[in-house]
Amino acid sequence: MTTRAVLVALLALTSAGCSLVGYPSGRGDGSNPPAIVPASSPARPTAGSGPGATTPAPVRDPGPVDWEVPAGVRAPDPGHVYEVFGETYTVLDGAEDYDERGEASWYGDAFDGRPTATGETFDMYGLSAAHRTLPLHTFVEVTNLENGNRVIVRINDRGPFARTDRRIIDLSYGAARRLGMVEQGIASVRVRAIAPPDAR
């Protein structure tokens, strides 16, 4: 492998929004880190940050946020402690007043159809997200601070586990499209917990 190829591979690895989809259902114990998947054809979007990532043709719009939590999925997990890549994380007791600014990344094709932390099947075109410490099924409003676009998503996965000093949320491809951040892969965002309409 040439020096140039090695540098490109390292850049792709360090800039990728690596969420461990399925944690803790088998792939988040650090023994099986996520693979770096090369960009697919323009018809199928890939994990969206890094050299070679493609911008796909428009795909189905997920529509408004679904406030219903699917039946039979894992309940929220406040107080749960887990470890990924040698770091220990404790799930918050609740999401009330959660309001944070940082970076968002997104994930898609490489994880589409795999289980999330709730046991649901990840739908890259839906409106969902991974967060390290918010209880599962928390709804959050994510605002792209660079363009003002907003989207509401439900936390159904754990992550991101790359660049944890800056990245605070890993969005589905569908949510990233709504925010207008697919092409650049990461964006400065505000993440604010909100209550579903029937709980307000």
N, C-alpha and C. Protein backbone atom coordinates (compact mmCIF):
# COMPACT_ATOMS: atom_id res chain seq x y z
N MET A 1 0.85 -1.18 0.00
CA MET A 1 0.00 0.00 0.00
C MET A 1 0.89 1.24 0.00
N THR A 2 0.56 2.21 -0.80
CA THR A 2 1.38 3.42 -0.89
C THR A 2 1.16 4.30 0.33
N THR A 3 2.07 5.23 0.55
CA THR A 3 1.94 6.17 1.67
C THR A 3 0.67 6.98 1.52
N ARG A 4 0.35 7.39 0.31
CA ARG A 4 -0.87 8.17 0.06
C ARG A 4 -2.10 7.37 0.43
N ALA A 5 -2.13 6.08 0.05
CA ALA A 5 -3.29 5.24 0.37
C ALA A 5 -3.45 5.06 1.87
N VAL A 6 -2.34 4.91 2.58
CA VAL A 6 -2.39 4.77 4.04
C VAL A 6 -2.94 6.05 4.67
N LEU A 7 -2.49 7.21 4.20
CA LEU A 7 -2.98 8.48 4.74
C LEU A 7 -4.47 8.65 4.50
N VAL A 8 -4.93 8.30 3.30
CA VAL A 8 -6.36 8.40 2.99
C VAL A 8 -7.17 7.47 3.89
N ALA A 9 -6.67 6.26 4.11
CA ALA A 9 -7.38 5.30 4.98
C ALA A 9 -7.45 5.81 6.41
N LEU A 10 -6.36 6.39 6.91
CA LEU A 10 -6.36 6.93 8.27
C LEU A 10 -7.30 8.11 8.40
N LEU A 11 -7.34 8.98 7.39
CA LEU A 11 -8.25 10.11 7.41
C LEU A 11 -9.69 9.64 7.44
N ALA A 12 -10.01 8.63 6.65
CA ALA A 12 -11.38 8.10 6.63
C ALA A 12 -11.74 7.53 7.99
N LEU A 13 -10.81 6.84 8.63
CA LEU A 13 -11.09 6.23 9.93
C LEU A 13 -11.33 7.29 11.00
N THR A 14 -10.48 8.33 11.02
CA THR A 14 -10.60 9.33 12.08
C THR A 14 -11.78 10.25 11.89
N SER A 15 -12.29 10.38 10.67
CA SER A 15 -13.41 11.30 10.45
C SER A 15 -14.76 10.59 10.39
N ALA A 16 -14.76 9.27 10.38
CA ALA A 16 -16.02 8.53 10.27
C ALA A 16 -16.85 8.67 11.53
N GLY A 17 -18.17 8.73 11.36
CA GLY A 17 -19.07 8.79 12.50
C GLY A 17 -19.38 7.38 12.96
N CYS A 18 -18.50 6.77 13.72
CA CYS A 18 -18.63 5.36 14.06
C CYS A 18 -19.54 5.14 15.25
N SER A 19 -20.76 4.78 15.01
CA SER A 19 -21.65 4.33 16.06
C SER A 19 -21.59 2.81 16.10
N LEU A 20 -21.76 2.26 17.28
CA LEU A 20 -21.84 0.80 17.38
C LEU A 20 -23.29 0.42 17.38
N VAL A 21 -23.90 0.33 16.22
CA VAL A 21 -25.30 -0.05 16.13
C VAL A 21 -25.44 -1.43 16.74
N GLY A 22 -26.43 -1.60 17.58
CA GLY A 22 -26.66 -2.89 18.20
C GLY A 22 -26.11 -3.00 19.60
N TYR A 23 -25.33 -2.00 20.05
CA TYR A 23 -24.85 -2.10 21.42
C TYR A 23 -26.03 -1.98 22.35
N PRO A 24 -26.17 -2.82 23.38
CA PRO A 24 -25.26 -3.89 23.78
C PRO A 24 -25.73 -5.26 23.32
N SER A 25 -26.31 -5.35 22.13
CA SER A 25 -26.85 -6.63 21.68
C SER A 25 -25.83 -7.41 20.87
N GLY A 26 -24.55 -7.31 21.19
CA GLY A 26 -23.59 -8.22 20.60
C GLY A 26 -22.42 -7.60 19.89
N ARG A 27 -22.46 -6.30 19.51
CA ARG A 27 -21.35 -5.76 18.76
C ARG A 27 -20.70 -4.57 19.45
N GLY A 28 -21.07 -4.31 20.71
CA GLY A 28 -20.54 -3.13 21.36
C GLY A 28 -19.60 -3.41 22.51
N ASP A 29 -19.06 -4.60 22.58
CA ASP A 29 -18.18 -4.92 23.70
C ASP A 29 -16.72 -4.61 23.40
N GLY A 30 -16.45 -4.02 22.26
CA GLY A 30 -15.09 -3.66 21.91
C GLY A 30 -14.34 -4.76 21.20
N SER A 31 -14.87 -6.00 21.23
CA SER A 31 -14.17 -7.10 20.59
C SER A 31 -14.44 -7.14 19.09
N ASN A 32 -15.49 -6.44 18.67
CA ASN A 32 -15.88 -6.46 17.27
C ASN A 32 -16.13 -5.03 16.80
N PRO A 33 -15.10 -4.19 16.70
CA PRO A 33 -15.34 -2.80 16.33
C PRO A 33 -15.94 -2.67 14.94
N PRO A 34 -16.66 -1.56 14.67
CA PRO A 34 -17.30 -1.40 13.37
C PRO A 34 -16.29 -1.36 12.25
N ALA A 35 -16.64 -1.98 11.14
CA ALA A 35 -15.75 -1.99 9.98
C ALA A 35 -15.82 -0.66 9.27
N ILE A 36 -14.75 -0.28 8.64
CA ILE A 36 -14.75 0.89 7.77
C ILE A 36 -15.14 0.39 6.38
N VAL A 37 -16.31 0.80 5.94
CA VAL A 37 -16.87 0.28 4.70
C VAL A 37 -16.63 1.28 3.57
N PRO A 38 -16.09 0.85 2.44
CA PRO A 38 -15.87 1.79 1.35
C PRO A 38 -17.18 2.34 0.80
N ALA A 39 -17.11 3.50 0.20
CA ALA A 39 -18.31 4.13 -0.34
C ALA A 39 -18.98 3.22 -1.36
N SER A 40 -20.30 3.16 -1.27
CA SER A 40 -21.06 2.35 -2.21
C SER A 40 -21.46 3.20 -3.41
N SER A 41 -22.27 2.62 -4.28
CA SER A 41 -22.72 3.36 -5.46
C SER A 41 -23.61 4.52 -5.04
N PRO A 42 -23.76 5.53 -5.88
CA PRO A 42 -24.57 6.68 -5.52
C PRO A 42 -26.01 6.33 -5.15
N ALA A 43 -26.49 5.17 -5.54
CA ALA A 43 -27.87 4.80 -5.22
C ALA A 43 -28.02 4.43 -3.76
N ARG A 44 -26.92 4.08 -3.07
CA ARG A 44 -26.99 3.69 -1.68
C ARG A 44 -26.02 4.54 -0.87
N PRO A 45 -26.52 5.37 0.04
CA PRO A 45 -25.62 6.20 0.82
C PRO A 45 -24.79 5.37 1.78
N THR A 46 -23.61 5.88 2.13
CA THR A 46 -22.72 5.19 3.06
C THR A 46 -22.56 6.03 4.31
N ALA A 47 -21.89 5.47 5.32
CA ALA A 47 -21.58 6.25 6.50
C ALA A 47 -20.94 7.53 6.03
N GLY A 48 -21.48 8.68 6.44
CA GLY A 48 -21.31 9.86 5.63
C GLY A 48 -20.20 10.81 5.89
N SER A 49 -19.17 10.47 6.63
CA SER A 49 -18.13 11.45 6.78
C SER A 49 -16.81 10.85 6.38
N GLY A 50 -16.17 11.44 5.42
CA GLY A 50 -14.86 10.92 5.03
C GLY A 50 -14.69 10.94 3.54
N PRO A 51 -13.47 10.83 3.11
CA PRO A 51 -13.19 10.84 1.68
C PRO A 51 -13.92 9.71 0.97
N GLY A 52 -14.48 10.00 -0.17
CA GLY A 52 -15.14 8.97 -0.95
C GLY A 52 -16.60 8.78 -0.62
N ALA A 53 -17.12 9.44 0.43
CA ALA A 53 -18.53 9.31 0.75
C ALA A 53 -19.34 9.90 -0.39
N THR A 54 -20.43 9.26 -0.73
CA THR A 54 -21.21 9.71 -1.87
C THR A 54 -22.45 10.46 -1.42
N THR A 55 -22.96 11.30 -2.27
CA THR A 55 -24.23 11.96 -2.03
C THR A 55 -25.26 11.30 -2.92
N PRO A 56 -26.17 10.51 -2.34
CA PRO A 56 -27.10 9.75 -3.14
C PRO A 56 -28.21 10.62 -3.73
N ALA A 57 -28.88 10.07 -4.71
CA ALA A 57 -30.07 10.71 -5.24
C ALA A 57 -31.12 10.74 -4.13
N PRO A 58 -32.08 11.69 -4.18
CA PRO A 58 -33.10 11.76 -3.14
C PRO A 58 -33.81 10.42 -2.98
N VAL A 59 -34.11 10.08 -1.72
CA VAL A 59 -34.80 8.83 -1.41
C VAL A 59 -36.05 9.17 -0.62
N ARG A 60 -36.78 8.15 -0.24
CA ARG A 60 -38.07 8.39 0.43
C ARG A 60 -37.90 9.26 1.67
N ASP A 61 -38.85 10.15 1.87
CA ASP A 61 -38.85 11.01 3.05
C ASP A 61 -39.53 10.24 4.18
N PRO A 62 -38.92 10.22 5.38
CA PRO A 62 -39.53 9.46 6.47
C PRO A 62 -40.80 10.09 7.02
N GLY A 63 -41.13 11.30 6.58
CA GLY A 63 -42.34 11.95 7.08
C GLY A 63 -42.12 12.52 8.46
N PRO A 64 -43.22 12.85 9.18
CA PRO A 64 -43.06 13.42 10.53
C PRO A 64 -42.56 12.38 11.52
N VAL A 65 -42.06 12.85 12.63
CA VAL A 65 -41.57 11.93 13.65
C VAL A 65 -42.70 11.04 14.15
N ASP A 66 -42.41 9.78 14.40
CA ASP A 66 -43.38 8.84 14.95
C ASP A 66 -43.24 8.87 16.47
N TRP A 67 -44.23 9.41 17.15
CA TRP A 67 -44.16 9.55 18.60
C TRP A 67 -44.41 8.23 19.32
N GLU A 68 -44.84 7.21 18.60
CA GLU A 68 -45.12 5.91 19.23
C GLU A 68 -43.84 5.10 19.33
N VAL A 69 -43.60 4.52 20.51
CA VAL A 69 -42.47 3.61 20.67
C VAL A 69 -42.95 2.22 20.25
N PRO A 70 -42.24 1.56 19.33
CA PRO A 70 -42.69 0.24 18.87
C PRO A 70 -42.87 -0.75 20.01
N ALA A 71 -43.87 -1.59 19.88
CA ALA A 71 -44.13 -2.60 20.92
C ALA A 71 -43.00 -3.63 20.94
N GLY A 72 -42.70 -4.13 22.12
CA GLY A 72 -41.76 -5.23 22.25
C GLY A 72 -40.29 -4.85 22.20
N VAL A 73 -39.98 -3.55 22.24
CA VAL A 73 -38.57 -3.14 22.22
C VAL A 73 -38.12 -2.84 23.64
N ARG A 74 -36.81 -2.75 23.82
CA ARG A 74 -36.25 -2.52 25.14
C ARG A 74 -36.74 -1.24 25.76
N ALA A 75 -36.98 -1.31 27.06
CA ALA A 75 -37.42 -0.14 27.81
C ALA A 75 -36.24 0.79 28.07
N PRO A 76 -36.51 2.03 28.46
CA PRO A 76 -35.41 2.92 28.83
C PRO A 76 -34.53 2.29 29.90
N ASP A 77 -33.28 2.72 29.95
CA ASP A 77 -32.31 2.05 30.81
C ASP A 77 -31.54 3.00 31.71
N PRO A 78 -32.23 3.85 32.49
CA PRO A 78 -31.51 4.78 33.36
C PRO A 78 -30.62 4.04 34.35
N GLY A 79 -29.44 4.61 34.57
CA GLY A 79 -28.51 4.02 35.52
C GLY A 79 -27.67 2.88 34.97
N HIS A 80 -27.98 2.41 33.76
CA HIS A 80 -27.23 1.31 33.17
C HIS A 80 -25.79 1.74 32.92
N VAL A 81 -24.84 0.88 33.25
CA VAL A 81 -23.42 1.16 33.04
C VAL A 81 -22.89 0.19 31.99
N TYR A 82 -22.17 0.70 31.02
CA TYR A 82 -21.59 -0.16 29.99
C TYR A 82 -20.22 0.37 29.60
N GLU A 83 -19.45 -0.45 28.93
CA GLU A 83 -18.10 -0.08 28.55
C GLU A 83 -17.89 -0.33 27.07
N VAL A 84 -17.27 0.62 26.38
CA VAL A 84 -16.93 0.49 24.97
C VAL A 84 -15.53 1.06 24.77
N PHE A 85 -14.65 0.27 24.14
CA PHE A 85 -13.29 0.71 23.85
C PHE A 85 -12.57 1.22 25.11
N GLY A 86 -12.82 0.58 26.24
CA GLY A 86 -12.15 0.94 27.49
C GLY A 86 -12.74 2.11 28.23
N GLU A 87 -13.77 2.76 27.67
CA GLU A 87 -14.44 3.88 28.33
C GLU A 87 -15.75 3.39 28.95
N THR A 88 -16.04 3.87 30.16
CA THR A 88 -17.27 3.48 30.86
C THR A 88 -18.29 4.61 30.76
N TYR A 89 -19.52 4.24 30.45
CA TYR A 89 -20.61 5.21 30.30
C TYR A 89 -21.75 4.82 31.22
N THR A 90 -22.38 5.80 31.85
CA THR A 90 -23.53 5.58 32.71
C THR A 90 -24.72 6.31 32.12
N VAL A 91 -25.80 5.58 31.87
CA VAL A 91 -27.00 6.18 31.30
C VAL A 91 -27.66 7.09 32.33
N LEU A 92 -28.05 8.29 31.91
CA LEU A 92 -28.67 9.27 32.79
C LEU A 92 -29.98 8.74 33.37
N ASP A 93 -30.32 9.21 34.57
CA ASP A 93 -31.58 8.79 35.19
C ASP A 93 -32.79 9.34 34.43
N GLY A 94 -32.61 10.44 33.75
CA GLY A 94 -33.69 11.04 32.98
C GLY A 94 -33.14 12.04 31.99
N ALA A 95 -34.04 12.57 31.16
CA ALA A 95 -33.60 13.50 30.11
C ALA A 95 -34.08 14.91 30.35
N GLU A 96 -34.80 15.13 31.44
CA GLU A 96 -35.36 16.45 31.71
C GLU A 96 -34.26 17.51 31.74
N ASP A 97 -34.49 18.59 31.04
CA ASP A 97 -33.57 19.73 30.97
C ASP A 97 -32.28 19.42 30.21
N TYR A 98 -32.19 18.27 29.54
CA TYR A 98 -30.99 17.99 28.76
C TYR A 98 -30.93 18.95 27.58
N ASP A 99 -29.82 19.66 27.45
CA ASP A 99 -29.62 20.65 26.39
C ASP A 99 -28.11 20.78 26.19
N GLU A 100 -27.59 20.34 25.06
CA GLU A 100 -26.16 20.30 24.85
C GLU A 100 -25.81 20.70 23.42
N ARG A 101 -24.63 21.28 23.27
CA ARG A 101 -24.11 21.63 21.95
C ARG A 101 -22.83 20.85 21.70
N GLY A 102 -22.66 20.43 20.45
CA GLY A 102 -21.47 19.67 20.08
C GLY A 102 -21.57 19.31 18.61
N GLU A 103 -20.92 18.23 18.23
CA GLU A 103 -20.94 17.78 16.85
C GLU A 103 -21.87 16.58 16.68
N ALA A 104 -22.52 16.53 15.54
CA ALA A 104 -23.32 15.37 15.14
C ALA A 104 -22.63 14.70 13.96
N SER A 105 -22.70 13.38 13.93
CA SER A 105 -22.27 12.59 12.78
C SER A 105 -23.48 11.78 12.34
N TRP A 106 -23.32 10.98 11.28
CA TRP A 106 -24.44 10.15 10.84
C TRP A 106 -23.95 8.79 10.37
N TYR A 107 -24.87 7.83 10.36
CA TYR A 107 -24.55 6.49 9.90
C TYR A 107 -25.70 5.95 9.06
N GLY A 108 -25.36 5.05 8.13
CA GLY A 108 -26.38 4.61 7.20
C GLY A 108 -26.19 3.21 6.66
N ASP A 109 -25.79 3.13 5.40
CA ASP A 109 -25.80 1.89 4.63
C ASP A 109 -25.10 0.72 5.30
N ALA A 110 -23.97 0.98 5.95
CA ALA A 110 -23.19 -0.10 6.56
C ALA A 110 -23.94 -0.76 7.71
N PHE A 111 -24.91 -0.07 8.29
CA PHE A 111 -25.63 -0.59 9.45
C PHE A 111 -27.12 -0.84 9.18
N ASP A 112 -27.60 -0.48 8.00
CA ASP A 112 -29.02 -0.62 7.69
C ASP A 112 -29.47 -2.07 7.86
N GLY A 113 -30.58 -2.26 8.58
CA GLY A 113 -31.12 -3.60 8.78
C GLY A 113 -30.54 -4.35 9.96
N ARG A 114 -29.56 -3.78 10.63
CA ARG A 114 -28.98 -4.44 11.81
C ARG A 114 -29.71 -4.01 13.07
N PRO A 115 -29.59 -4.78 14.15
CA PRO A 115 -30.30 -4.40 15.39
C PRO A 115 -29.68 -3.19 16.07
N THR A 116 -30.52 -2.38 16.67
CA THR A 116 -30.07 -1.25 17.48
C THR A 116 -30.04 -1.69 18.94
N ALA A 117 -29.68 -0.77 19.83
CA ALA A 117 -29.60 -1.09 21.25
C ALA A 117 -30.96 -1.43 21.85
N THR A 118 -32.04 -0.96 21.23
CA THR A 118 -33.38 -1.29 21.73
C THR A 118 -33.85 -2.65 21.23
N GLY A 119 -33.14 -3.23 20.26
CA GLY A 119 -33.58 -4.47 19.63
C GLY A 119 -34.32 -4.23 18.33
N GLU A 120 -34.62 -2.96 18.02
CA GLU A 120 -35.27 -2.64 16.76
C GLU A 120 -34.29 -2.83 15.60
N THR A 121 -34.84 -2.96 14.41
CA THR A 121 -34.01 -2.99 13.21
C THR A 121 -33.73 -1.57 12.78
N PHE A 122 -32.46 -1.25 12.58
CA PHE A 122 -32.08 0.10 12.17
C PHE A 122 -32.57 0.38 10.76
N ASP A 123 -33.32 1.47 10.63
CA ASP A 123 -33.80 1.95 9.34
C ASP A 123 -33.06 3.24 9.04
N MET A 124 -32.11 3.17 8.15
CA MET A 124 -31.28 4.34 7.86
C MET A 124 -32.09 5.53 7.33
N TYR A 125 -33.25 5.26 6.75
CA TYR A 125 -34.08 6.33 6.19
C TYR A 125 -35.05 6.91 7.21
N GLY A 126 -35.16 6.30 8.39
CA GLY A 126 -36.05 6.79 9.44
C GLY A 126 -35.45 7.95 10.20
N LEU A 127 -36.14 8.36 11.27
CA LEU A 127 -35.69 9.47 12.10
C LEU A 127 -35.33 8.93 13.47
N SER A 128 -34.07 8.55 13.63
CA SER A 128 -33.59 8.00 14.89
C SER A 128 -32.17 8.45 15.12
N ALA A 129 -31.64 8.10 16.29
CA ALA A 129 -30.28 8.53 16.62
C ALA A 129 -29.68 7.65 17.70
N ALA A 130 -28.36 7.72 17.78
CA ALA A 130 -27.60 7.05 18.83
C ALA A 130 -27.03 8.11 19.77
N HIS A 131 -27.09 7.83 21.06
CA HIS A 131 -26.54 8.72 22.07
C HIS A 131 -25.89 7.87 23.14
N ARG A 132 -24.83 8.36 23.74
CA ARG A 132 -24.09 7.55 24.71
C ARG A 132 -24.80 7.43 26.06
N THR A 133 -25.49 8.48 26.52
CA THR A 133 -25.99 8.47 27.89
C THR A 133 -27.46 8.80 28.08
N LEU A 134 -28.15 9.30 27.07
CA LEU A 134 -29.59 9.55 27.24
C LEU A 134 -30.33 8.23 27.31
N PRO A 135 -31.39 8.13 28.14
CA PRO A 135 -32.17 6.89 28.18
C PRO A 135 -32.75 6.57 26.81
N LEU A 136 -32.81 5.30 26.49
CA LEU A 136 -33.42 4.88 25.23
C LEU A 136 -34.85 5.37 25.17
N HIS A 137 -35.31 5.70 23.98
CA HIS A 137 -36.64 6.22 23.68
C HIS A 137 -36.82 7.68 24.08
N THR A 138 -35.73 8.37 24.45
CA THR A 138 -35.80 9.81 24.65
C THR A 138 -35.97 10.48 23.29
N PHE A 139 -36.87 11.45 23.20
CA PHE A 139 -37.03 12.25 21.99
C PHE A 139 -36.21 13.52 22.14
N VAL A 140 -35.47 13.86 21.09
CA VAL A 140 -34.66 15.08 21.12
C VAL A 140 -34.89 15.88 19.86
N GLU A 141 -34.80 17.19 20.00
CA GLU A 141 -34.80 18.09 18.85
C GLU A 141 -33.35 18.43 18.55
N VAL A 142 -32.94 18.17 17.32
CA VAL A 142 -31.56 18.45 16.90
C VAL A 142 -31.61 19.62 15.92
N THR A 143 -30.84 20.66 16.23
CA THR A 143 -30.77 21.85 15.38
C THR A 143 -29.38 21.96 14.79
N ASN A 144 -29.31 22.06 13.47
CA ASN A 144 -28.04 22.29 12.79
C ASN A 144 -27.71 23.76 12.96
N LEU A 145 -26.67 24.07 13.74
CA LEU A 145 -26.33 25.45 14.04
C LEU A 145 -25.72 26.18 12.84
N GLU A 146 -25.40 25.45 11.80
CA GLU A 146 -24.80 26.06 10.62
C GLU A 146 -25.84 26.54 9.61
N ASN A 147 -27.05 25.93 9.63
CA ASN A 147 -28.07 26.34 8.65
C ASN A 147 -29.46 26.54 9.26
N GLY A 148 -29.64 26.22 10.55
CA GLY A 148 -30.92 26.41 11.22
C GLY A 148 -31.91 25.27 11.04
N ASN A 149 -31.60 24.26 10.23
CA ASN A 149 -32.52 23.14 10.04
C ASN A 149 -32.69 22.37 11.34
N ARG A 150 -33.92 21.83 11.54
CA ARG A 150 -34.22 21.08 12.76
C ARG A 150 -34.89 19.76 12.43
N VAL A 151 -34.70 18.79 13.33
CA VAL A 151 -35.37 17.50 13.19
C VAL A 151 -35.58 16.92 14.58
N ILE A 152 -36.68 16.18 14.74
CA ILE A 152 -36.93 15.48 16.01
C ILE A 152 -36.67 14.00 15.76
N VAL A 153 -35.88 13.40 16.64
CA VAL A 153 -35.54 11.98 16.52
C VAL A 153 -35.73 11.29 17.86
N ARG A 154 -35.84 9.96 17.80
CA ARG A 154 -35.91 9.15 19.02
C ARG A 154 -34.59 8.42 19.19
N ILE A 155 -34.06 8.42 20.41
CA ILE A 155 -32.83 7.69 20.70
C ILE A 155 -33.15 6.20 20.81
N ASN A 156 -32.58 5.41 19.89
CA ASN A 156 -32.82 3.96 19.95
C ASN A 156 -31.51 3.17 19.85
N ASP A 157 -30.38 3.88 20.01
CA ASP A 157 -29.10 3.21 19.85
C ASP A 157 -28.06 3.90 20.73
N ARG A 158 -26.88 3.28 20.82
CA ARG A 158 -25.79 3.83 21.61
C ARG A 158 -24.65 4.27 20.69
N GLY A 159 -24.04 5.39 21.01
CA GLY A 159 -22.96 5.95 20.24
C GLY A 159 -23.09 7.47 20.26
N PRO A 160 -22.26 8.21 19.55
CA PRO A 160 -21.10 7.75 18.80
C PRO A 160 -19.92 7.49 19.73
N PHE A 161 -19.02 6.60 19.29
CA PHE A 161 -17.87 6.24 20.10
C PHE A 161 -16.56 6.65 19.44
N ALA A 162 -16.63 7.54 18.47
CA ALA A 162 -15.45 8.15 17.85
C ALA A 162 -15.46 9.63 18.20
N ARG A 163 -14.27 10.18 18.51
CA ARG A 163 -14.13 11.59 18.84
C ARG A 163 -15.14 12.03 19.90
N THR A 164 -15.19 11.27 20.99
CA THR A 164 -16.19 11.49 22.03
C THR A 164 -16.00 12.81 22.77
N ASP A 165 -14.87 13.46 22.57
CA ASP A 165 -14.67 14.77 23.19
C ASP A 165 -15.51 15.84 22.50
N ARG A 166 -15.93 15.58 21.25
CA ARG A 166 -16.70 16.58 20.49
C ARG A 166 -18.06 16.07 20.04
N ARG A 167 -18.12 14.81 19.62
CA ARG A 167 -19.36 14.31 19.03
C ARG A 167 -20.34 13.87 20.12
N ILE A 168 -21.57 14.34 20.01
CA ILE A 168 -22.55 14.05 21.05
C ILE A 168 -23.72 13.22 20.55
N ILE A 169 -23.90 13.10 19.25
CA ILE A 169 -25.03 12.33 18.72
C ILE A 169 -24.67 11.78 17.35
N ASP A 170 -25.19 10.61 17.04
CA ASP A 170 -24.98 9.96 15.74
C ASP A 170 -26.37 9.76 15.13
N LEU A 171 -26.65 10.43 14.04
CA LEU A 171 -27.99 10.45 13.45
C LEU A 171 -28.15 9.42 12.35
N SER A 172 -29.38 8.97 12.16
CA SER A 172 -29.68 8.15 10.99
C SER A 172 -29.49 9.00 9.74
N TYR A 173 -29.29 8.34 8.61
CA TYR A 173 -29.15 9.05 7.34
C TYR A 173 -30.36 9.94 7.07
N GLY A 174 -31.57 9.43 7.35
CA GLY A 174 -32.79 10.21 7.12
C GLY A 174 -32.79 11.50 7.91
N ALA A 175 -32.35 11.44 9.17
CA ALA A 175 -32.29 12.64 10.00
C ALA A 175 -31.21 13.59 9.50
N ALA A 176 -30.08 13.04 9.09
CA ALA A 176 -28.99 13.87 8.58
C ALA A 176 -29.42 14.61 7.32
N ARG A 177 -30.20 13.96 6.47
CA ARG A 177 -30.72 14.63 5.27
C ARG A 177 -31.58 15.82 5.66
N ARG A 178 -32.45 15.64 6.67
CA ARG A 178 -33.31 16.73 7.11
C ARG A 178 -32.48 17.92 7.60
N LEU A 179 -31.34 17.62 8.21
CA LEU A 179 -30.50 18.68 8.74
C LEU A 179 -29.57 19.29 7.69
N GLY A 180 -29.51 18.67 6.51
CA GLY A 180 -28.64 19.18 5.46
C GLY A 180 -27.17 18.98 5.74
N MET A 181 -26.82 17.83 6.35
CA MET A 181 -25.43 17.60 6.74
C MET A 181 -24.85 16.33 6.14
N VAL A 182 -25.54 15.73 5.17
CA VAL A 182 -25.06 14.46 4.62
C VAL A 182 -23.71 14.61 3.95
N GLU A 183 -23.58 15.64 3.14
CA GLU A 183 -22.36 15.79 2.35
C GLU A 183 -21.12 16.01 3.20
N GLN A 184 -21.20 16.89 4.21
CA GLN A 184 -20.02 17.17 5.01
C GLN A 184 -19.79 16.12 6.09
N GLY A 185 -20.81 15.33 6.44
CA GLY A 185 -20.63 14.21 7.37
C GLY A 185 -20.78 14.56 8.83
N ILE A 186 -20.34 15.74 9.24
CA ILE A 186 -20.52 16.19 10.61
C ILE A 186 -21.03 17.62 10.58
N ALA A 187 -21.67 18.03 11.68
CA ALA A 187 -22.18 19.40 11.77
C ALA A 187 -22.24 19.81 13.23
N SER A 188 -22.14 21.10 13.47
CA SER A 188 -22.33 21.64 14.82
C SER A 188 -23.82 21.68 15.11
N VAL A 189 -24.22 21.12 16.24
CA VAL A 189 -25.65 21.00 16.53
C VAL A 189 -25.95 21.36 17.98
N ARG A 190 -27.22 21.64 18.20
CA ARG A 190 -27.77 21.73 19.56
C ARG A 190 -28.73 20.56 19.70
N VAL A 191 -28.61 19.81 20.78
CA VAL A 191 -29.48 18.67 21.05
C VAL A 191 -30.26 18.96 22.33
N ARG A 192 -31.58 18.97 22.20
CA ARG A 192 -32.45 19.34 23.33
C ARG A 192 -33.52 18.28 23.52
N ALA A 193 -33.60 17.72 24.72
CA ALA A 193 -34.63 16.71 25.01
C ALA A 193 -36.00 17.35 25.02
N ILE A 194 -36.97 16.67 24.42
CA ILE A 194 -38.35 17.18 24.43
C ILE A 194 -39.30 16.04 24.80
N ALA A 195 -40.45 16.40 25.31
CA ALA A 195 -41.45 15.40 25.69
C ALA A 195 -42.42 15.18 24.54
N PRO A 196 -42.88 13.95 24.33
CA PRO A 196 -43.91 13.71 23.30
C PRO A 196 -45.16 14.54 23.61
N PRO A 197 -45.95 14.87 22.58
CA PRO A 197 -47.13 15.75 22.78
C PRO A 197 -48.07 15.27 23.88
N ASP A 198 -48.30 13.97 24.01
CA ASP A 198 -49.25 13.47 25.01
C ASP A 198 -48.68 13.50 26.43
N ALA A 199 -47.40 13.82 26.56
CA ALA A 199 -46.78 13.87 27.89
C ALA A 199 -46.57 15.30 28.37
N ARG A 200 -46.94 16.27 27.52
CA ARG A 200 -46.71 17.67 27.88
C ARG A 200 -47.84 18.21 28.71
